PDB file of all heavy atoms in Angstrom:
ATOM      1  N   TRP A   1     101.219  89.927 123.302  1.00  0.00           N
ATOM      2  CA  TRP A   1     102.433  90.237 122.532  1.00  0.00           C
ATOM      3  C   TRP A   1     102.066  90.782 121.159  1.00  0.00           C
ATOM      4  O   TRP A   1     102.651  91.757 120.698  1.00  0.00           O
ATOM      5  CB  TRP A   1     103.307  88.987 122.394  1.00  0.00           C
ATOM      6  CG  TRP A   1     104.547  89.240 121.605  1.00  0.00           C
ATOM      7  CD1 TRP A   1     105.725  89.770 122.049  1.00  0.00           C
ATOM      8  CD2 TRP A   1     104.742  88.988 120.208  1.00  0.00           C
ATOM      9  NE1 TRP A   1     106.635  89.861 121.030  1.00  0.00           N
ATOM     10  CE2 TRP A   1     106.049  89.387 119.881  1.00  0.00           C
ATOM     11  CE3 TRP A   1     103.929  88.470 119.210  1.00  0.00           C
ATOM     12  CZ2 TRP A   1     106.554  89.295 118.601  1.00  0.00           C
ATOM     13  CZ3 TRP A   1     104.442  88.371 117.932  1.00  0.00           C
ATOM     14  CH2 TRP A   1     105.742  88.775 117.636  1.00  0.00           C
ATOM     15  N   PHE A   2     101.084  90.147 120.497  1.00  0.00           N
ATOM     16  CA  PHE A   2     100.639  90.578 119.176  1.00  0.00           C
ATOM     17  C   PHE A   2     100.163  92.029 119.210  1.00  0.00           C
ATOM     18  O   PHE A   2     100.569  92.847 118.379  1.00  0.00           O
ATOM     19  CB  PHE A   2      99.523  89.649 118.678  1.00  0.00           C
ATOM     20  CG  PHE A   2      98.983  90.003 117.335  1.00  0.00           C
ATOM     21  CD1 PHE A   2      99.700  89.710 116.188  1.00  0.00           C
ATOM     22  CD2 PHE A   2      97.742  90.617 117.212  1.00  0.00           C
ATOM     23  CE1 PHE A   2      99.187  90.030 114.931  1.00  0.00           C
ATOM     24  CE2 PHE A   2      97.227  90.932 115.967  1.00  0.00           C
ATOM     25  CZ  PHE A   2      97.956  90.639 114.827  1.00  0.00           C
ATOM     26  N   PHE A   3      99.323  92.371 120.172  1.00  0.00           N
ATOM     27  CA  PHE A   3      98.821  93.746 120.257  1.00  0.00           C
ATOM     28  C   PHE A   3      99.903  94.727 120.689  1.00  0.00           C
ATOM     29  O   PHE A   3      99.891  95.879 120.284  1.00  0.00           O
ATOM     30  CB  PHE A   3      97.605  93.834 121.186  1.00  0.00           C
ATOM     31  CG  PHE A   3      96.320  93.563 120.475  1.00  0.00           C
ATOM     32  CD1 PHE A   3      95.843  92.273 120.352  1.00  0.00           C
ATOM     33  CD2 PHE A   3      95.607  94.586 119.894  1.00  0.00           C
ATOM     34  CE1 PHE A   3      94.678  92.005 119.681  1.00  0.00           C
ATOM     35  CE2 PHE A   3      94.423  94.343 119.209  1.00  0.00           C
ATOM     36  CZ  PHE A   3      93.962  93.036 119.102  1.00  0.00           C
ATOM     37  N   TYR A   4     100.837  94.286 121.523  1.00  0.00           N
ATOM     38  CA  TYR A   4     101.940  95.159 121.929  1.00  0.00           C
ATOM     39  C   TYR A   4     102.841  95.483 120.742  1.00  0.00           C
ATOM     40  O   TYR A   4     103.293  96.612 120.582  1.00  0.00           O
ATOM     41  CB  TYR A   4     102.748  94.506 123.049  1.00  0.00           C
ATOM     42  CG  TYR A   4     103.972  95.309 123.407  1.00  0.00           C
ATOM     43  CD1 TYR A   4     103.855  96.487 124.146  1.00  0.00           C
ATOM     44  CD2 TYR A   4     105.241  94.908 122.993  1.00  0.00           C
ATOM     45  CE1 TYR A   4     104.972  97.244 124.453  1.00  0.00           C
ATOM     46  CE2 TYR A   4     106.351  95.664 123.302  1.00  0.00           C
ATOM     47  CZ  TYR A   4     106.221  96.826 124.026  1.00  0.00           C
ATOM     48  OH  TYR A   4     107.323  97.582 124.322  1.00  0.00           O
ATOM     49  N   LYS A   5     103.121  94.505 119.898  1.00  0.00           N
ATOM     50  CA  LYS A   5     104.011  94.697 118.755  1.00  0.00           C
ATOM     51  C   LYS A   5     103.344  95.394 117.575  1.00  0.00           C
ATOM     52  O   LYS A   5     104.015  95.951 116.720  1.00  0.00           O
ATOM     53  CB  LYS A   5     104.582  93.351 118.287  1.00  0.00           C
ATOM     54  CG  LYS A   5     105.495  92.694 119.292  1.00  0.00           C
ATOM     55  CD  LYS A   5     106.713  93.536 119.604  1.00  0.00           C
ATOM     56  CE  LYS A   5     107.724  93.466 118.487  1.00  0.00           C
ATOM     57  NZ  LYS A   5     108.946  94.213 118.752  1.00  0.00           N
ATOM     58  N   MET A   6     102.014  95.340 117.509  1.00  0.00           N
ATOM     59  CA  MET A   6     101.300  95.967 116.404  1.00  0.00           C
ATOM     60  C   MET A   6     101.570  97.470 116.424  1.00  0.00           C
ATOM     61  O   MET A   6     101.485  98.105 117.479  1.00  0.00           O
ATOM     62  CB  MET A   6      99.796  95.705 116.548  1.00  0.00           C
ATOM     63  CG  MET A   6      99.023  95.917 115.291  1.00  0.00           C
ATOM     64  SD  MET A   6      97.256  95.586 115.486  1.00  0.00           S
ATOM     65  CE  MET A   6      97.233  93.934 116.101  1.00  0.00           C
ATOM     66  N   SER A   7     101.919  98.035 115.270  1.00  0.00           N
ATOM     67  CA  SER A   7     102.223  99.456 115.242  1.00  0.00           C
ATOM     68  C   SER A   7     101.919 100.050 113.877  1.00  0.00           C
ATOM     69  O   SER A   7     101.915  99.359 112.862  1.00  0.00           O
ATOM     70  CB  SER A   7     103.684  99.701 115.603  1.00  0.00           C
ATOM     71  OG  SER A   7     104.539  99.139 114.619  1.00  0.00           O
ATOM     72  N   LEU A   8     101.680 101.336 113.892  1.00  0.00           N
ATOM     73  CA  LEU A   8     101.476 102.111 112.678  1.00  0.00           C
ATOM     74  C   LEU A   8     102.653 103.059 112.551  1.00  0.00           C
ATOM     75  O   LEU A   8     102.867 103.904 113.421  1.00  0.00           O
ATOM     76  CB  LEU A   8     100.166 102.896 112.748  1.00  0.00           C
ATOM     77  CG  LEU A   8      99.882 103.864 111.605  1.00  0.00           C
ATOM     78  CD1 LEU A   8      99.720 103.107 110.284  1.00  0.00           C
ATOM     79  CD2 LEU A   8      98.634 104.679 111.903  1.00  0.00           C
ATOM     80  N   VAL A   9     103.437 102.892 111.494  1.00  0.00           N
ATOM     81  CA  VAL A   9     104.585 103.755 111.249  1.00  0.00           C
ATOM     82  C   VAL A   9     104.278 104.621 110.039  1.00  0.00           C
ATOM     83  O   VAL A   9     103.946 104.106 108.968  1.00  0.00           O
ATOM     84  CB  VAL A   9     105.877 102.942 111.014  1.00  0.00           C
ATOM     85  CG1 VAL A   9     107.041 103.866 110.684  1.00  0.00           C
ATOM     86  CG2 VAL A   9     106.194 102.093 112.224  1.00  0.00           C
ATOM     87  N   THR A  10     104.385 105.920 110.215  1.00  0.00           N
ATOM     88  CA  THR A  10     104.160 106.876 109.134  1.00  0.00           C
ATOM     89  C   THR A  10     105.470 107.610 108.886  1.00  0.00           C
ATOM     90  O   THR A  10     106.069 108.138 109.828  1.00  0.00           O
ATOM     91  CB  THR A  10     103.072 107.898 109.533  1.00  0.00           C
ATOM     92  OG1 THR A  10     101.906 107.189 109.938  1.00  0.00           O
ATOM     93  CG2 THR A  10     102.740 108.822 108.389  1.00  0.00           C
ATOM     94  N   GLU A  11     105.907 107.621 107.640  1.00  0.00           N
ATOM     95  CA  GLU A  11     107.127 108.324 107.257  1.00  0.00           C
ATOM     96  C   GLU A  11     106.838 109.227 106.070  1.00  0.00           C
ATOM     97  O   GLU A  11     106.105 108.837 105.157  1.00  0.00           O
ATOM     98  CB  GLU A  11     108.233 107.356 106.841  1.00  0.00           C
ATOM     99  CG  GLU A  11     108.931 106.678 107.953  1.00  0.00           C
ATOM    100  CD  GLU A  11     110.106 105.844 107.465  1.00  0.00           C
ATOM    101  OE1 GLU A  11     110.211 105.559 106.252  1.00  0.00           O
ATOM    102  OE2 GLU A  11     110.917 105.481 108.313  1.00  0.00           O
ATOM    103  N   VAL A  12     107.435 110.397 106.104  1.00  0.00           N
ATOM    104  CA  VAL A  12     107.372 111.301 104.963  1.00  0.00           C
ATOM    105  C   VAL A  12     108.794 111.534 104.497  1.00  0.00           C
ATOM    106  O   VAL A  12     109.666 111.904 105.287  1.00  0.00           O
ATOM    107  CB  VAL A  12     106.699 112.645 105.345  1.00  0.00           C
ATOM    108  CG1 VAL A  12     106.672 113.579 104.145  1.00  0.00           C
ATOM    109  CG2 VAL A  12     105.289 112.417 105.878  1.00  0.00           C
ATOM    110  N   VAL A  13     109.025 111.254 103.228  1.00  0.00           N
ATOM    111  CA  VAL A  13     110.319 111.494 102.583  1.00  0.00           C
ATOM    112  C   VAL A  13     110.033 112.349 101.352  1.00  0.00           C
ATOM    113  O   VAL A  13     108.879 112.481 100.943  1.00  0.00           O
ATOM    114  CB  VAL A  13     111.027 110.168 102.198  1.00  0.00           C
ATOM    115  CG1 VAL A  13     111.332 109.349 103.443  1.00  0.00           C
ATOM    116  CG2 VAL A  13     110.213 109.375 101.213  1.00  0.00           C
ATOM    117  N   PRO A  14     111.042 112.949 100.737  1.00  0.00           N
ATOM    118  CA  PRO A  14     110.777 113.785  99.568  1.00  0.00           C
ATOM    119  C   PRO A  14     109.943 113.056  98.510  1.00  0.00           C
ATOM    120  O   PRO A  14     110.315 111.992  98.023  1.00  0.00           O
ATOM    121  CB  PRO A  14     112.175 114.115  99.040  1.00  0.00           C
ATOM    122  CG  PRO A  14     113.023 114.104 100.281  1.00  0.00           C
ATOM    123  CD  PRO A  14     112.460 112.981 101.112  1.00  0.00           C
ATOM    124  N   GLY A  15     108.781 113.599  98.219  1.00  0.00           N
ATOM    125  CA  GLY A  15     107.905 113.068  97.185  1.00  0.00           C
ATOM    126  C   GLY A  15     107.020 111.910  97.590  1.00  0.00           C
ATOM    127  O   GLY A  15     106.160 111.502  96.805  1.00  0.00           O
ATOM    128  N   GLU A  16     107.170 111.375  98.804  1.00  0.00           N
ATOM    129  CA  GLU A  16     106.412 110.186  99.196  1.00  0.00           C
ATOM    130  C   GLU A  16     105.953 110.225 100.651  1.00  0.00           C
ATOM    131  O   GLU A  16     106.616 110.806 101.506  1.00  0.00           O
ATOM    132  CB  GLU A  16     107.253 108.919  99.033  1.00  0.00           C
ATOM    133  CG  GLU A  16     107.614 108.566  97.632  1.00  0.00           C
ATOM    134  CD  GLU A  16     108.464 107.310  97.556  1.00  0.00           C
ATOM    135  OE1 GLU A  16     108.944 106.808  98.603  1.00  0.00           O
ATOM    136  OE2 GLU A  16     108.651 106.824  96.441  1.00  0.00           O
ATOM    137  N   LEU A  17     104.840 109.564 100.876  1.00  0.00           N
ATOM    138  CA  LEU A  17     104.348 109.284 102.227  1.00  0.00           C
ATOM    139  C   LEU A  17     104.289 107.773 102.321  1.00  0.00           C
ATOM    140  O   LEU A  17     103.744 107.113 101.431  1.00  0.00           O
ATOM    141  CB  LEU A  17     102.953 109.885 102.429  1.00  0.00           C
ATOM    142  CG  LEU A  17     102.256 109.524 103.725  1.00  0.00           C
ATOM    143  CD1 LEU A  17     102.726 110.444 104.839  1.00  0.00           C
ATOM    144  CD2 LEU A  17     100.768 109.627 103.583  1.00  0.00           C
ATOM    145  N   ARG A  18     104.857 107.215 103.373  1.00  0.00           N
ATOM    146  CA  ARG A  18     104.877 105.767 103.559  1.00  0.00           C
ATOM    147  C   ARG A  18     104.148 105.418 104.852  1.00  0.00           C
ATOM    148  O   ARG A  18     104.410 106.009 105.886  1.00  0.00           O
ATOM    149  CB  ARG A  18     106.307 105.256 103.626  1.00  0.00           C
ATOM    150  CG  ARG A  18     107.089 105.518 102.369  1.00  0.00           C
ATOM    151  CD  ARG A  18     108.517 105.100 102.526  1.00  0.00           C
ATOM    152  NE  ARG A  18     109.278 105.442 101.338  1.00  0.00           N
ATOM    153  CZ  ARG A  18     110.594 105.578 101.329  1.00  0.00           C
ATOM    154  NH1 ARG A  18     111.285 105.400 102.432  1.00  0.00           N
ATOM    155  NH2 ARG A  18     111.209 105.886 100.215  1.00  0.00           N
ATOM    156  N   VAL A  19     103.267 104.426 104.745  1.00  0.00           N
ATOM    157  CA  VAL A  19     102.490 103.981 105.889  1.00  0.00           C
ATOM    158  C   VAL A  19     102.663 102.470 106.002  1.00  0.00           C
ATOM    159  O   VAL A  19     102.484 101.745 105.027  1.00  0.00           O
ATOM    160  CB  VAL A  19     100.992 104.316 105.720  1.00  0.00           C
ATOM    161  CG1 VAL A  19     100.201 103.849 106.920  1.00  0.00           C
ATOM    162  CG2 VAL A  19     100.799 105.791 105.501  1.00  0.00           C
ATOM    163  N   ARG A  20     103.016 102.018 107.201  1.00  0.00           N
ATOM    164  CA  ARG A  20     103.175 100.581 107.422  1.00  0.00           C
ATOM    165  C   ARG A  20     102.465 100.200 108.713  1.00  0.00           C
ATOM    166  O   ARG A  20     102.789 100.713 109.780  1.00  0.00           O
ATOM    167  CB  ARG A  20     104.645 100.205 107.518  1.00  0.00           C
ATOM    168  CG  ARG A  20     104.817  98.709 107.710  1.00  0.00           C
ATOM    169  CD  ARG A  20     106.266  98.317 107.603  1.00  0.00           C
ATOM    170  NE  ARG A  20     106.385  96.877 107.762  1.00  0.00           N
ATOM    171  CZ  ARG A  20     107.336  96.294 108.449  1.00  0.00           C
ATOM    172  NH1 ARG A  20     108.282  97.012 109.011  1.00  0.00           N
ATOM    173  NH2 ARG A  20     107.369  94.988 108.562  1.00  0.00           N
ATOM    174  N   PHE A  21     101.498  99.317 108.585  1.00  0.00           N
ATOM    175  CA  PHE A  21     100.757  98.824 109.739  1.00  0.00           C
ATOM    176  C   PHE A  21     101.227  97.397 109.986  1.00  0.00           C
ATOM    177  O   PHE A  21     100.750  96.457 109.368  1.00  0.00           O
ATOM    178  CB  PHE A  21      99.250  98.863 109.447  1.00  0.00           C
ATOM    179  CG  PHE A  21      98.397  98.868 110.676  1.00  0.00           C
ATOM    180  CD1 PHE A  21      97.523  99.895 110.918  1.00  0.00           C
ATOM    181  CD2 PHE A  21      98.461  97.837 111.594  1.00  0.00           C
ATOM    182  CE1 PHE A  21      96.723  99.903 112.040  1.00  0.00           C
ATOM    183  CE2 PHE A  21      97.678  97.829 112.725  1.00  0.00           C
ATOM    184  CZ  PHE A  21      96.800  98.878 112.942  1.00  0.00           C
ATOM    185  N   TRP A  22     102.215  97.263 110.905  1.00  0.00           N
ATOM    186  CA  TRP A  22     102.783  95.947 111.192  1.00  0.00           C
ATOM    187  C   TRP A  22     101.828  95.161 112.073  1.00  0.00           C
ATOM    188  O   TRP A  22     101.266  95.750 112.997  1.00  0.00           O
ATOM    189  CB  TRP A  22     104.133  96.089 111.892  1.00  0.00           C
ATOM    190  CG  TRP A  22     104.845  94.787 111.956  1.00  0.00           C
ATOM    191  CD1 TRP A  22     105.710  94.276 111.039  1.00  0.00           C
ATOM    192  CD2 TRP A  22     104.735  93.800 112.985  1.00  0.00           C
ATOM    193  NE1 TRP A  22     106.132  93.038 111.435  1.00  0.00           N
ATOM    194  CE2 TRP A  22     105.545  92.713 112.627  1.00  0.00           C
ATOM    195  CE3 TRP A  22     104.010  93.698 114.164  1.00  0.00           C
ATOM    196  CZ2 TRP A  22     105.663  91.571 113.396  1.00  0.00           C
ATOM    197  CZ3 TRP A  22     104.125  92.568 114.935  1.00  0.00           C
ATOM    198  CH2 TRP A  22     104.950  91.523 114.556  1.00  0.00           C
ATOM    199  N   PRO A  23     101.556  93.938 111.831  1.00  0.00           N
ATOM    200  CA  PRO A  23     102.162  92.947 110.947  1.00  0.00           C
ATOM    201  C   PRO A  23     101.417  92.755 109.634  1.00  0.00           C
ATOM    202  O   PRO A  23     101.714  91.835 108.889  1.00  0.00           O
ATOM    203  CB  PRO A  23     102.081  91.670 111.777  1.00  0.00           C
ATOM    204  CG  PRO A  23     100.773  91.798 112.489  1.00  0.00           C
ATOM    205  CD  PRO A  23     100.641  93.279 112.795  1.00  0.00           C
ATOM    206  N   PHE A  24     100.461  93.617 109.334  1.00  0.00           N
ATOM    207  CA  PHE A  24      99.635  93.427 108.149  1.00  0.00           C
ATOM    208  C   PHE A  24     100.318  93.880 106.868  1.00  0.00           C
ATOM    209  O   PHE A  24      99.991  93.390 105.791  1.00  0.00           O
ATOM    210  CB  PHE A  24      98.289  94.125 108.334  1.00  0.00           C
ATOM    211  CG  PHE A  24      97.590  93.654 109.575  1.00  0.00           C
ATOM    212  CD1 PHE A  24      97.508  94.459 110.701  1.00  0.00           C
ATOM    213  CD2 PHE A  24      97.055  92.382 109.645  1.00  0.00           C
ATOM    214  CE1 PHE A  24      96.881  94.021 111.848  1.00  0.00           C
ATOM    215  CE2 PHE A  24      96.432  91.923 110.801  1.00  0.00           C
ATOM    216  CZ  PHE A  24      96.349  92.753 111.900  1.00  0.00           C
ATOM    217  N   HIS A  25     101.222  94.825 106.974  1.00  0.00           N
ATOM    218  CA  HIS A  25     102.005  95.267 105.815  1.00  0.00           C
ATOM    219  C   HIS A  25     103.442  94.802 105.998  1.00  0.00           C
ATOM    220  O   HIS A  25     104.119  95.235 106.932  1.00  0.00           O
ATOM    221  CB  HIS A  25     102.017  96.789 105.705  1.00  0.00           C
ATOM    222  CG  HIS A  25     100.682  97.390 105.432  1.00  0.00           C
ATOM    223  ND1 HIS A  25     100.295  98.572 105.993  1.00  0.00           N
ATOM    224  CD2 HIS A  25      99.653  96.985 104.656  1.00  0.00           C
ATOM    225  CE1 HIS A  25      99.076  98.870 105.582  1.00  0.00           C
ATOM    226  NE2 HIS A  25      98.660  97.921 104.778  1.00  0.00           N
ATOM    227  N   LEU A  26     103.901  93.952 105.118  1.00  0.00           N
ATOM    228  CA  LEU A  26     105.307  93.540 105.183  1.00  0.00           C
ATOM    229  C   LEU A  26     106.204  94.643 104.646  1.00  0.00           C
ATOM    230  O   LEU A  26     107.318  94.820 105.113  1.00  0.00           O
ATOM    231  CB  LEU A  26     105.518  92.238 104.408  1.00  0.00           C
ATOM    232  CG  LEU A  26     104.723  91.047 104.951  1.00  0.00           C
ATOM    233  CD1 LEU A  26     104.958  89.813 104.098  1.00  0.00           C
ATOM    234  CD2 LEU A  26     105.071  90.768 106.406  1.00  0.00           C
ATOM    235  N   LYS A  27     105.698  95.371 103.665  1.00  0.00           N
ATOM    236  CA  LYS A  27     106.392  96.542 103.127  1.00  0.00           C
ATOM    237  C   LYS A  27     105.466  97.741 103.288  1.00  0.00           C
ATOM    238  O   LYS A  27     104.238  97.579 103.280  1.00  0.00           O
ATOM    239  CB  LYS A  27     106.719  96.345 101.643  1.00  0.00           C
ATOM    240  CG  LYS A  27     107.675  95.214 101.372  1.00  0.00           C
ATOM    241  CD  LYS A  27     108.133  95.166  99.916  1.00  0.00           C
ATOM    242  CE  LYS A  27     106.967  95.234  98.954  1.00  0.00           C
ATOM    243  NZ  LYS A  27     107.348  95.059  97.553  1.00  0.00           N
ATOM    244  N   PRO A  28     106.017  98.927 103.419  1.00  0.00           N
ATOM    245  CA  PRO A  28     105.158 100.105 103.566  1.00  0.00           C
ATOM    246  C   PRO A  28     104.289 100.346 102.329  1.00  0.00           C
ATOM    247  O   PRO A  28     104.699 100.056 101.207  1.00  0.00           O
ATOM    248  CB  PRO A  28     106.139 101.263 103.747  1.00  0.00           C
ATOM    249  CG  PRO A  28     107.440 100.643 104.074  1.00  0.00           C
ATOM    250  CD  PRO A  28     107.437  99.268 103.508  1.00  0.00           C
ATOM    251  N   VAL A  29     103.098 100.882 102.560  1.00  0.00           N
ATOM    252  CA  VAL A  29     102.260 101.371 101.473  1.00  0.00           C
ATOM    253  C   VAL A  29     102.820 102.739 101.103  1.00  0.00           C
ATOM    254  O   VAL A  29     102.935 103.621 101.962  1.00  0.00           O
ATOM    255  CB  VAL A  29     100.784 101.487 101.925  1.00  0.00           C
ATOM    256  CG1 VAL A  29      99.946 102.157 100.858  1.00  0.00           C
ATOM    257  CG2 VAL A  29     100.241 100.127 102.298  1.00  0.00           C
ATOM    258  N   THR A  30     103.196 102.911  99.852  1.00  0.00           N
ATOM    259  CA  THR A  30     103.814 104.156  99.406  1.00  0.00           C
ATOM    260  C   THR A  30     102.802 104.994  98.641  1.00  0.00           C
ATOM    261  O   THR A  30     102.157 104.507  97.710  1.00  0.00           O
ATOM    262  CB  THR A  30     105.034 103.863  98.514  1.00  0.00           C
ATOM    263  OG1 THR A  30     105.968 103.083  99.268  1.00  0.00           O
ATOM    264  CG2 THR A  30     105.702 105.140  98.056  1.00  0.00           C
ATOM    265  N   ILE A  31     102.683 106.246  99.040  1.00  0.00           N
ATOM    266  CA  ILE A  31     101.779 107.184  98.386  1.00  0.00           C
ATOM    267  C   ILE A  31     102.644 108.263  97.755  1.00  0.00           C
ATOM    268  O   ILE A  31     103.376 108.970  98.459  1.00  0.00           O
ATOM    269  CB  ILE A  31     100.803 107.804  99.404  1.00  0.00           C
ATOM    270  CG1 ILE A  31      99.957 106.694 100.028  1.00  0.00           C
ATOM    271  CG2 ILE A  31      99.954 108.875  98.751  1.00  0.00           C
ATOM    272  CD1 ILE A  31      99.312 107.057 101.334  1.00  0.00           C
TER     273      ILE A  31
END
């Protein structure tokens, strides 16, 4: 279950790139 739920979400919004590696990041890392 842990490995199935683990995910890397990458989002690009104006001016920012957000990366969230669940469950290690509770909030996205914002660049």
